[in-house]
Amino acid sequence: EADREGQHSFLSGDQLTARPDLETMVDGNAGLRRGDMVIRADRLEYTDPEDRVRATGNVRINRAGNVYEGPRLELTVESLEGFFLQPRYQFLKTEGHGEDARVDFLDEDHALIQDGTYTTCRRNPGPSWMPAWILRAASLRVDTAANVGCAEHALLSFKGVPLLPIPAMS
């Protein structure tokens, strides 16, 4: 895993507008790369003093193989603190995936998924796809380093049939 600390950010896109050492705006095929992280979007706004990126439109972030896609991301690049609105996600190690209303990145290894889903069932093409099992949770705390998730106020469904509600599980 590459380290982002002390590394430079590389920005690319169709049109760049910059105020050196302050901010850079990238429109069209926008990209930011630092270490093991790549962010792509229709538009990126990078503020240098805060090391903060705001990405909008078809946003995709790949952090060491963990991928999130959605409409809007705000992130402090070095500390990996920020949020992503309405993302779909997939984790590399577990092949788990889902979607949620919001994910808050707490640091490099920890995230809080709000009002989300999680399953490891492979996604088949087509709009009628339904996983064999799916966990829906009001909140899901994820630790990617330890490969652990803790769900609160969850409901496990199997073949579309809701099973008993689960107040908390890991």
Protein backbone atom coordinates (compact mmCIF):
# COMPACT_ATOMS: atom_id res chain seq x y z
CA GLU A 1 0.00 0.00 0.00
CA ALA A 2 1.45 3.34 -1.03
CA ASP A 3 1.73 6.16 1.47
CA ARG A 4 0.11 9.52 0.61
CA GLU A 5 1.88 11.54 3.33
CA GLY A 6 4.37 13.98 1.87
CA GLN A 7 3.52 13.01 -1.70
CA HIS A 8 2.37 15.41 -4.37
CA SER A 9 -1.12 15.39 -5.85
CA PHE A 10 -1.31 15.03 -9.62
CA LEU A 11 -4.28 16.71 -11.30
CA SER A 12 -5.47 16.14 -14.85
CA GLY A 13 -8.47 16.95 -17.02
CA ASP A 14 -9.79 18.76 -20.06
CA GLN A 15 -9.56 22.26 -18.57
CA LEU A 16 -7.51 23.41 -15.60
CA THR A 17 -7.79 26.80 -13.91
CA ALA A 18 -5.39 27.53 -11.06
CA ARG A 19 -4.24 30.10 -8.54
CA PRO A 20 -0.80 28.72 -7.56
CA ASP A 21 -0.56 27.43 -3.98
CA LEU A 22 -4.26 28.26 -3.41
CA GLU A 23 -6.72 26.33 -5.55
CA THR A 24 -7.08 24.42 -8.79
CA MET A 25 -10.30 23.72 -10.65
CA VAL A 26 -10.50 20.93 -13.20
CA ASP A 27 -13.45 20.55 -15.57
CA GLY A 28 -14.10 17.52 -17.77
CA ASN A 29 -12.45 14.13 -17.28
CA ALA A 30 -11.05 15.46 -14.00
CA GLY A 31 -8.61 13.34 -12.04
CA LEU A 32 -6.53 13.55 -8.88
CA ARG A 33 -3.91 10.95 -7.97
CA ARG A 34 -1.83 10.64 -4.83
CA GLY A 35 -0.16 7.43 -3.71
CA ASP A 36 -2.65 4.54 -3.72
CA MET A 37 -5.66 6.80 -4.32
CA VAL A 38 -7.24 7.99 -7.57
CA ILE A 39 -10.30 10.26 -7.80
CA ARG A 40 -12.15 10.80 -11.09
CA ALA A 41 -15.10 13.15 -11.66
CA ASP A 42 -16.71 15.57 -14.07
CA ARG A 43 -15.35 18.44 -11.93
CA LEU A 44 -12.71 18.69 -9.20
CA GLU A 45 -11.92 21.66 -6.97
CA TYR A 46 -8.67 21.23 -5.04
CA THR A 47 -7.75 23.71 -2.28
CA ASP A 48 -4.03 23.51 -1.60
CA PRO A 49 -3.77 25.08 1.91
CA GLU A 50 -6.40 22.66 3.30
CA ASP A 51 -5.35 19.75 1.03
CA ARG A 52 -9.10 19.38 0.35
CA VAL A 53 -10.81 18.12 -2.79
CA ARG A 54 -14.46 18.60 -3.79
CA ALA A 55 -15.54 16.32 -6.62
CA THR A 56 -18.91 16.45 -8.38
CA GLY A 57 -20.56 14.53 -11.19
CA ASN A 58 -19.85 10.83 -11.84
CA VAL A 59 -17.35 10.69 -8.99
CA ARG A 60 -15.26 7.56 -8.56
CA ILE A 61 -12.62 7.10 -5.87
CA ASN A 62 -10.32 4.09 -5.77
CA ARG A 63 -8.41 3.77 -2.49
CA ALA A 64 -6.06 0.78 -2.64
CA GLY A 65 -8.68 -1.23 -4.56
CA ASN A 66 -11.72 -0.16 -2.52
CA VAL A 67 -14.01 1.70 -4.92
CA TYR A 68 -16.78 4.22 -4.23
CA GLU A 69 -18.93 5.83 -6.96
CA GLY A 70 -21.56 8.55 -6.67
CA PRO A 71 -22.48 12.20 -7.27
CA ARG A 72 -20.43 14.17 -4.69
CA LEU A 73 -17.28 13.73 -2.60
CA GLU A 74 -15.46 16.07 -0.20
CA LEU A 75 -12.17 14.80 1.20
CA THR A 76 -9.02 15.97 2.95
CA VAL A 77 -6.53 14.02 0.87
CA GLU A 78 -3.70 13.27 3.31
CA SER A 79 -5.85 12.35 6.33
CA LEU A 80 -8.63 10.76 4.23
CA GLU A 81 -11.32 12.51 6.27
CA GLY A 82 -14.48 13.57 4.50
CA PHE A 83 -17.76 12.33 3.08
CA PHE A 84 -19.35 10.87 -0.05
CA LEU A 85 -23.04 11.34 -0.83
CA GLN A 86 -25.16 8.45 -2.21
CA PRO A 87 -22.26 6.17 -3.12
CA ARG A 88 -22.17 2.63 -4.40
CA TYR A 89 -19.12 0.83 -3.07
CA GLN A 90 -17.09 -2.36 -3.43
CA PHE A 91 -14.34 -3.62 -1.11
CA LEU A 92 -11.38 -5.41 -2.71
CA LYS A 93 -10.56 -7.95 0.05
CA THR A 94 -14.10 -9.18 0.81
CA GLU A 95 -15.70 -8.48 -2.57
CA GLY A 96 -18.50 -7.00 -0.46
CA HIS A 97 -20.53 -4.23 -2.03
CA GLY A 98 -23.58 -2.08 -1.49
CA GLU A 99 -24.95 1.42 -1.61
CA ASP A 100 -25.90 3.99 0.96
CA ALA A 101 -27.16 7.50 1.62
CA ARG A 102 -23.79 8.74 2.86
CA VAL A 103 -20.39 7.46 3.88
CA ASP A 104 -18.17 9.41 6.25
CA PHE A 105 -14.46 8.66 5.91
CA LEU A 106 -13.05 8.97 9.44
CA ASP A 107 -9.43 8.17 8.53
CA GLU A 108 -7.46 5.86 6.24
CA ASP A 109 -8.98 2.64 7.63
CA HIS A 110 -12.32 3.65 9.17
CA ALA A 111 -15.62 4.70 7.63
CA LEU A 112 -19.20 5.09 8.77
CA ILE A 113 -21.83 4.02 6.25
CA GLN A 114 -25.26 5.51 6.93
CA ASP A 115 -28.55 3.96 5.79
CA GLY A 116 -26.78 1.40 3.65
CA THR A 117 -26.66 -2.14 2.34
CA TYR A 118 -23.97 -4.83 2.24
CA THR A 119 -23.70 -8.17 0.46
CA THR A 120 -20.98 -10.39 -0.99
CA CYS A 121 -23.26 -11.88 -3.68
CA ARG A 122 -21.88 -11.29 -7.17
CA ARG A 123 -23.82 -8.74 -9.14
CA ASN A 124 -25.33 -10.13 -12.33
CA PRO A 125 -26.11 -7.86 -15.29
CA GLY A 126 -29.61 -6.49 -15.58
CA PRO A 127 -32.02 -4.36 -13.57
CA SER A 128 -33.88 -7.28 -11.98
CA TRP A 129 -30.82 -8.63 -10.14
CA MET A 130 -31.39 -9.40 -6.47
CA PRO A 131 -28.71 -10.78 -4.15
CA ALA A 132 -29.36 -14.07 -2.33
CA TRP A 133 -28.71 -12.22 0.94
CA ILE A 134 -28.43 -8.55 1.83
CA LEU A 135 -27.88 -6.68 5.07
CA ARG A 136 -29.61 -3.30 5.44
CA ALA A 137 -28.40 -1.16 8.34
CA ALA A 138 -29.02 2.29 9.76
CA SER A 139 -25.26 2.49 10.29
CA LEU A 140 -22.32 0.27 9.43
CA ARG A 141 -18.88 1.00 10.88
CA VAL A 142 -16.16 -0.36 8.62
CA ASP A 143 -12.53 -1.06 9.53
CA THR A 144 -10.80 -2.02 6.27
CA ALA A 145 -7.45 -2.77 7.98
CA ALA A 146 -9.03 -5.32 10.34
CA ASN A 147 -11.57 -6.40 7.68
CA VAL A 148 -14.45 -5.92 10.15
CA GLY A 149 -17.84 -4.24 9.93
CA CYS A 150 -20.21 -3.47 12.81
CA ALA A 151 -23.87 -2.88 11.92
CA GLU A 152 -26.53 -1.22 14.06
CA HIS A 153 -30.30 -1.41 13.57
CA ALA A 154 -29.88 -3.99 10.83
CA LEU A 155 -32.20 -6.28 8.91
CA LEU A 156 -30.94 -9.38 7.10
CA SER A 157 -32.96 -10.52 4.09
CA PHE A 158 -32.60 -13.84 2.29
CA LYS A 159 -34.01 -14.32 -1.22
CA GLY A 160 -36.04 -11.13 -0.76
CA VAL A 161 -37.62 -12.31 2.51
CA PRO A 162 -36.79 -10.14 5.56
CA LEU A 163 -35.59 -12.15 8.56
CA LEU A 164 -35.67 -10.95 12.16
CA PRO A 165 -34.31 -7.46 12.85
CA ILE A 166 -30.83 -7.40 14.38
CA PRO A 167 -30.12 -4.54 16.84
CA ALA A 168 -26.33 -4.90 16.47
CA MET A 169 -23.88 -7.30 14.86
CA SER A 170 -20.25 -7.57 13.80
